[in-house]
């Protein structure tokens, strides 16, 4: 789904929503594997029976699991990327807000708005993207962040 275009053409899209990803299901297996990877075994994530007794009515994904899906959501999107990329690296984030929990069994997708695209030096581009992770059928998104990526072309 990814489109490759000259970096200056990506730069011309600043201020626009430039892509949306496919929906990705949040399964209990994915949540459990994330708990194993991070050591975060809070019952609200990994114990469906106890989680049923909470206001959420069942287990929810870790907020950091949702955030960590950004690379997958990006790859599963139609966002334009600079052509001839040799390497892309996560540079950091300006702002991250967890706005709503993602219940196990729900699907999420990313909506990408390009905030900035600048050439830092020849062949090195820095992109700042506002990413909203929507929850299918829910009025509030799971999270919104400004994420910075550097591309070397």
C-alpha atoms as a PDB file:
ATOM      1  CA  UNK A   1       0.000   0.000   0.000  1.00  0.00           C
ATOM      2  CA  UNK A   2       2.919   2.364   0.599  1.00  0.00           C
ATOM      3  CA  UNK A   3       3.504   4.945  -2.116  1.00  0.00           C
ATOM      4  CA  UNK A   4       7.042   6.064  -2.871  1.00  0.00           C
ATOM      5  CA  UNK A   5       7.403   9.612  -4.228  1.00  0.00           C
ATOM      6  CA  UNK A   6      10.205  12.192  -4.400  1.00  0.00           C
ATOM      7  CA  UNK A   7      10.842  13.739  -0.968  1.00  0.00           C
ATOM      8  CA  UNK A   8       9.983  17.242  -2.199  1.00  0.00           C
ATOM      9  CA  UNK A   9       6.546  15.950  -3.243  1.00  0.00           C
ATOM     10  CA  UNK A  10       5.977  14.633   0.284  1.00  0.00           C
ATOM     11  CA  UNK A  11       7.054  18.054   1.571  1.00  0.00           C
ATOM     12  CA  UNK A  12       4.322  19.679  -0.536  1.00  0.00           C
ATOM     13  CA  UNK A  13       1.692  17.702   1.442  1.00  0.00           C
ATOM     14  CA  UNK A  14       2.382  19.385   4.800  1.00  0.00           C
ATOM     15  CA  UNK A  15      -0.874  20.148   6.596  1.00  0.00           C
ATOM     16  CA  UNK A  16      -2.801  17.353   4.902  1.00  0.00           C
ATOM     17  CA  UNK A  17      -4.075  13.965   6.007  1.00  0.00           C
ATOM     18  CA  UNK A  18      -1.826  11.830   3.841  1.00  0.00           C
ATOM     19  CA  UNK A  19      -2.890   8.303   4.681  1.00  0.00           C
ATOM     20  CA  UNK A  20      -4.969   5.791   6.569  1.00  0.00           C
ATOM     21  CA  UNK A  21      -3.976   2.273   7.505  1.00  0.00           C
ATOM     22  CA  UNK A  22      -5.842  -0.985   7.313  1.00  0.00           C
ATOM     23  CA  UNK A  23      -7.657  -2.104  10.464  1.00  0.00           C
ATOM     24  CA  UNK A  24      -5.611  -4.259  12.861  1.00  0.00           C
ATOM     25  CA  UNK A  25      -7.302  -6.483  15.460  1.00  0.00           C
ATOM     26  CA  UNK A  26      -6.168  -6.357  19.073  1.00  0.00           C
ATOM     27  CA  UNK A  27      -6.252  -9.975  20.199  1.00  0.00           C
ATOM     28  CA  UNK A  28      -5.664 -11.379  23.661  1.00  0.00           C
ATOM     29  CA  UNK A  29      -2.682 -13.250  22.235  1.00  0.00           C
ATOM     30  CA  UNK A  30      -1.120  -9.963  21.058  1.00  0.00           C
ATOM     31  CA  UNK A  31      -1.749  -8.394  24.483  1.00  0.00           C
ATOM     32  CA  UNK A  32      -0.228 -11.405  26.277  1.00  0.00           C
ATOM     33  CA  UNK A  33       2.865 -11.361  24.069  1.00  0.00           C
ATOM     34  CA  UNK A  34       3.300  -7.639  24.743  1.00  0.00           C
ATOM     35  CA  UNK A  35       3.003  -8.327  28.491  1.00  0.00           C
ATOM     36  CA  UNK A  36       5.709 -10.978  28.180  1.00  0.00           C
ATOM     37  CA  UNK A  37       7.974  -8.626  26.235  1.00  0.00           C
ATOM     38  CA  UNK A  38       7.581  -5.736  28.686  1.00  0.00           C
ATOM     39  CA  UNK A  39       6.967  -7.452  32.016  1.00  0.00           C
ATOM     40  CA  UNK A  40       3.683  -5.563  32.446  1.00  0.00           C
ATOM     41  CA  UNK A  41       1.269  -8.251  33.635  1.00  0.00           C
ATOM     42  CA  UNK A  42      -1.342  -5.958  35.194  1.00  0.00           C
ATOM     43  CA  UNK A  43      -4.576  -7.945  35.428  1.00  0.00           C
ATOM     44  CA  UNK A  44      -6.536  -5.420  33.339  1.00  0.00           C
ATOM     45  CA  UNK A  45      -4.516  -6.660  30.356  1.00  0.00           C
ATOM     46  CA  UNK A  46      -3.924 -10.367  30.926  1.00  0.00           C
ATOM     47  CA  UNK A  47      -6.681 -11.729  33.186  1.00  0.00           C
ATOM     48  CA  UNK A  48     -10.003 -11.685  31.312  1.00  0.00           C
ATOM     49  CA  UNK A  49     -12.003 -12.884  34.334  1.00  0.00           C
ATOM     50  CA  UNK A  50     -10.741 -10.176  36.700  1.00  0.00           C
ATOM     51  CA  UNK A  51     -10.894  -7.569  33.919  1.00  0.00           C
ATOM     52  CA  UNK A  52     -14.625  -8.285  33.490  1.00  0.00           C
ATOM     53  CA  UNK A  53     -15.142  -6.773  36.957  1.00  0.00           C
ATOM     54  CA  UNK A  54     -13.713  -3.393  35.914  1.00  0.00           C
ATOM     55  CA  UNK A  55     -15.564  -0.529  34.225  1.00  0.00           C
ATOM     56  CA  UNK A  56     -14.065  -1.750  30.919  1.00  0.00           C
ATOM     57  CA  UNK A  57     -15.936  -5.070  31.136  1.00  0.00           C
ATOM     58  CA  UNK A  58     -12.937  -7.039  29.922  1.00  0.00           C
ATOM     59  CA  UNK A  59      -9.246  -6.846  29.157  1.00  0.00           C
ATOM     60  CA  UNK A  60      -7.748  -3.825  27.453  1.00  0.00           C
ATOM     61  CA  UNK A  61      -4.527  -3.368  25.496  1.00  0.00           C
ATOM     62  CA  UNK A  62      -1.578  -1.673  27.115  1.00  0.00           C
ATOM     63  CA  UNK A  63      -1.352   1.947  26.028  1.00  0.00           C
ATOM     64  CA  UNK A  64       2.247   1.317  25.024  1.00  0.00           C
ATOM     65  CA  UNK A  65       1.106  -1.659  22.920  1.00  0.00           C
ATOM     66  CA  UNK A  66      -1.159   0.672  20.979  1.00  0.00           C
ATOM     67  CA  UNK A  67       1.709   3.155  20.588  1.00  0.00           C
ATOM     68  CA  UNK A  68       4.061   0.383  19.481  1.00  0.00           C
ATOM     69  CA  UNK A  69       1.718  -0.467  16.594  1.00  0.00           C
ATOM     70  CA  UNK A  70       2.689   2.754  14.811  1.00  0.00           C
ATOM     71  CA  UNK A  71       5.334   1.067  12.603  1.00  0.00           C
ATOM     72  CA  UNK A  72       2.842  -1.649  11.599  1.00  0.00           C
ATOM     73  CA  UNK A  73       0.057   0.861  10.989  1.00  0.00           C
ATOM     74  CA  UNK A  74       2.436   2.976   8.923  1.00  0.00           C
ATOM     75  CA  UNK A  75       3.448   0.003   6.778  1.00  0.00           C
ATOM     76  CA  UNK A  76      -0.217  -0.980   6.396  1.00  0.00           C
ATOM     77  CA  UNK A  77      -1.126   2.519   5.220  1.00  0.00           C
ATOM     78  CA  UNK A  78      -1.187   4.407   1.964  1.00  0.00           C
ATOM     79  CA  UNK A  79       1.081   7.142   3.362  1.00  0.00           C
ATOM     80  CA  UNK A  80       3.587   8.525   0.877  1.00  0.00           C
ATOM     81  CA  UNK A  81       7.207   7.828   1.679  1.00  0.00           C
ATOM     82  CA  UNK A  82      10.276   9.378   0.124  1.00  0.00           C
ATOM     83  CA  UNK A  83      11.584   7.253  -2.729  1.00  0.00           C
ATOM     84  CA  UNK A  84      15.070   5.740  -2.634  1.00  0.00           C
ATOM     85  CA  UNK A  85      15.064   5.343   1.166  1.00  0.00           C
ATOM     86  CA  UNK A  86      18.284   3.767   2.404  1.00  0.00           C
ATOM     87  CA  UNK A  87      17.153   3.860   6.016  1.00  0.00           C
ATOM     88  CA  UNK A  88      14.385   5.258   8.202  1.00  0.00           C
ATOM     89  CA  UNK A  89      14.759   5.729  11.953  1.00  0.00           C
ATOM     90  CA  UNK A  90      12.426   6.738  14.750  1.00  0.00           C
ATOM     91  CA  UNK A  91      13.682  10.041  16.119  1.00  0.00           C
ATOM     92  CA  UNK A  92      11.130  10.586  18.873  1.00  0.00           C
ATOM     93  CA  UNK A  93       7.873  12.211  19.702  1.00  0.00           C
ATOM     94  CA  UNK A  94       6.711  15.674  20.625  1.00  0.00           C
ATOM     95  CA  UNK A  95       3.463  14.698  22.263  1.00  0.00           C
ATOM     96  CA  UNK A  96       1.569  11.504  23.064  1.00  0.00           C
ATOM     97  CA  UNK A  97      -1.873  11.263  24.641  1.00  0.00           C
ATOM     98  CA  UNK A  98      -3.726   8.056  25.478  1.00  0.00           C
ATOM     99  CA  UNK A  99      -7.355   9.094  24.989  1.00  0.00           C
ATOM    100  CA  UNK A 100      -9.399   5.882  25.250  1.00  0.00           C
ATOM    101  CA  UNK A 101      -8.706   2.256  26.148  1.00  0.00           C
ATOM    102  CA  UNK A 102      -8.671  -0.384  23.430  1.00  0.00           C
ATOM    103  CA  UNK A 103     -10.684  -3.418  24.459  1.00  0.00           C
ATOM    104  CA  UNK A 104      -9.435  -6.814  23.370  1.00  0.00           C
ATOM    105  CA  UNK A 105     -11.299  -7.852  20.228  1.00  0.00           C
ATOM    106  CA  UNK A 106     -11.505  -4.317  18.841  1.00  0.00           C
ATOM    107  CA  UNK A 107      -9.744  -3.161  15.704  1.00  0.00           C
ATOM    108  CA  UNK A 108      -7.592  -0.051  15.380  1.00  0.00           C
ATOM    109  CA  UNK A 109      -6.229   1.932  12.463  1.00  0.00           C
ATOM    110  CA  UNK A 110      -3.922   4.882  12.007  1.00  0.00           C
ATOM    111  CA  UNK A 111      -4.799   8.195  10.390  1.00  0.00           C
ATOM    112  CA  UNK A 112      -1.725  10.192   9.401  1.00  0.00           C
ATOM    113  CA  UNK A 113      -1.504  13.973   9.040  1.00  0.00           C
ATOM    114  CA  UNK A 114       1.808  15.390   7.842  1.00  0.00           C
ATOM    115  CA  UNK A 115       2.846  18.293  10.069  1.00  0.00           C
ATOM    116  CA  UNK A 116       6.381  18.890   8.846  1.00  0.00           C
ATOM    117  CA  UNK A 117       8.852  17.572   6.282  1.00  0.00           C
ATOM    118  CA  UNK A 118      12.209  19.239   6.091  1.00  0.00           C
ATOM    119  CA  UNK A 119      15.566  18.400   4.643  1.00  0.00           C
ATOM    120  CA  UNK A 120      18.023  18.593   7.532  1.00  0.00           C
ATOM    121  CA  UNK A 121      21.021  18.092   5.264  1.00  0.00           C
ATOM    122  CA  UNK A 122      21.373  16.671   1.760  1.00  0.00           C
ATOM    123  CA  UNK A 123      19.742  13.239   1.695  1.00  0.00           C
ATOM    124  CA  UNK A 124      18.436  13.426   5.286  1.00  0.00           C
ATOM    125  CA  UNK A 125      14.765  14.307   5.732  1.00  0.00           C
ATOM    126  CA  UNK A 126      12.909  14.744   9.009  1.00  0.00           C
ATOM    127  CA  UNK A 127       9.179  14.140   9.029  1.00  0.00           C
ATOM    128  CA  UNK A 128       6.762  14.989  11.824  1.00  0.00           C
ATOM    129  CA  UNK A 129       3.447  13.209  11.577  1.00  0.00           C
ATOM    130  CA  UNK A 130       0.340  13.594  13.705  1.00  0.00           C
ATOM    131  CA  UNK A 131      -0.929  10.060  14.136  1.00  0.00           C
ATOM    132  CA  UNK A 132      -4.397   9.319  15.414  1.00  0.00           C
ATOM    133  CA  UNK A 133      -5.104   5.693  16.285  1.00  0.00           C
ATOM    134  CA  UNK A 134      -8.838   5.198  15.878  1.00  0.00           C
ATOM    135  CA  UNK A 135     -10.868   2.396  17.458  1.00  0.00           C
ATOM    136  CA  UNK A 136     -13.460   0.902  15.140  1.00  0.00           C
ATOM    137  CA  UNK A 137     -16.970   1.840  16.277  1.00  0.00           C
ATOM    138  CA  UNK A 138     -15.776   4.093  19.116  1.00  0.00           C
ATOM    139  CA  UNK A 139     -16.269   7.874  19.288  1.00  0.00           C
ATOM    140  CA  UNK A 140     -12.844   8.632  20.810  1.00  0.00           C
ATOM    141  CA  UNK A 141      -9.492   7.559  19.399  1.00  0.00           C
ATOM    142  CA  UNK A 142      -7.155   5.363  21.404  1.00  0.00           C
ATOM    143  CA  UNK A 143      -4.297   7.815  21.116  1.00  0.00           C
ATOM    144  CA  UNK A 144      -2.908  10.764  19.295  1.00  0.00           C
ATOM    145  CA  UNK A 145       0.751  11.602  18.985  1.00  0.00           C
ATOM    146  CA  UNK A 146       3.243  13.635  17.025  1.00  0.00           C
ATOM    147  CA  UNK A 147       5.902  11.255  15.820  1.00  0.00           C
ATOM    148  CA  UNK A 148       9.230  12.209  14.235  1.00  0.00           C
ATOM    149  CA  UNK A 149      10.995   9.996  11.718  1.00  0.00           C
ATOM    150  CA  UNK A 150      14.213  10.616   9.846  1.00  0.00           C
ATOM    151  CA  UNK A 151      14.684   9.244   6.353  1.00  0.00           C
ATOM    152  CA  UNK A 152      18.030   8.870   4.645  1.00  0.00           C
ATOM    153  CA  UNK A 153      17.766   8.831   0.851  1.00  0.00           C
END
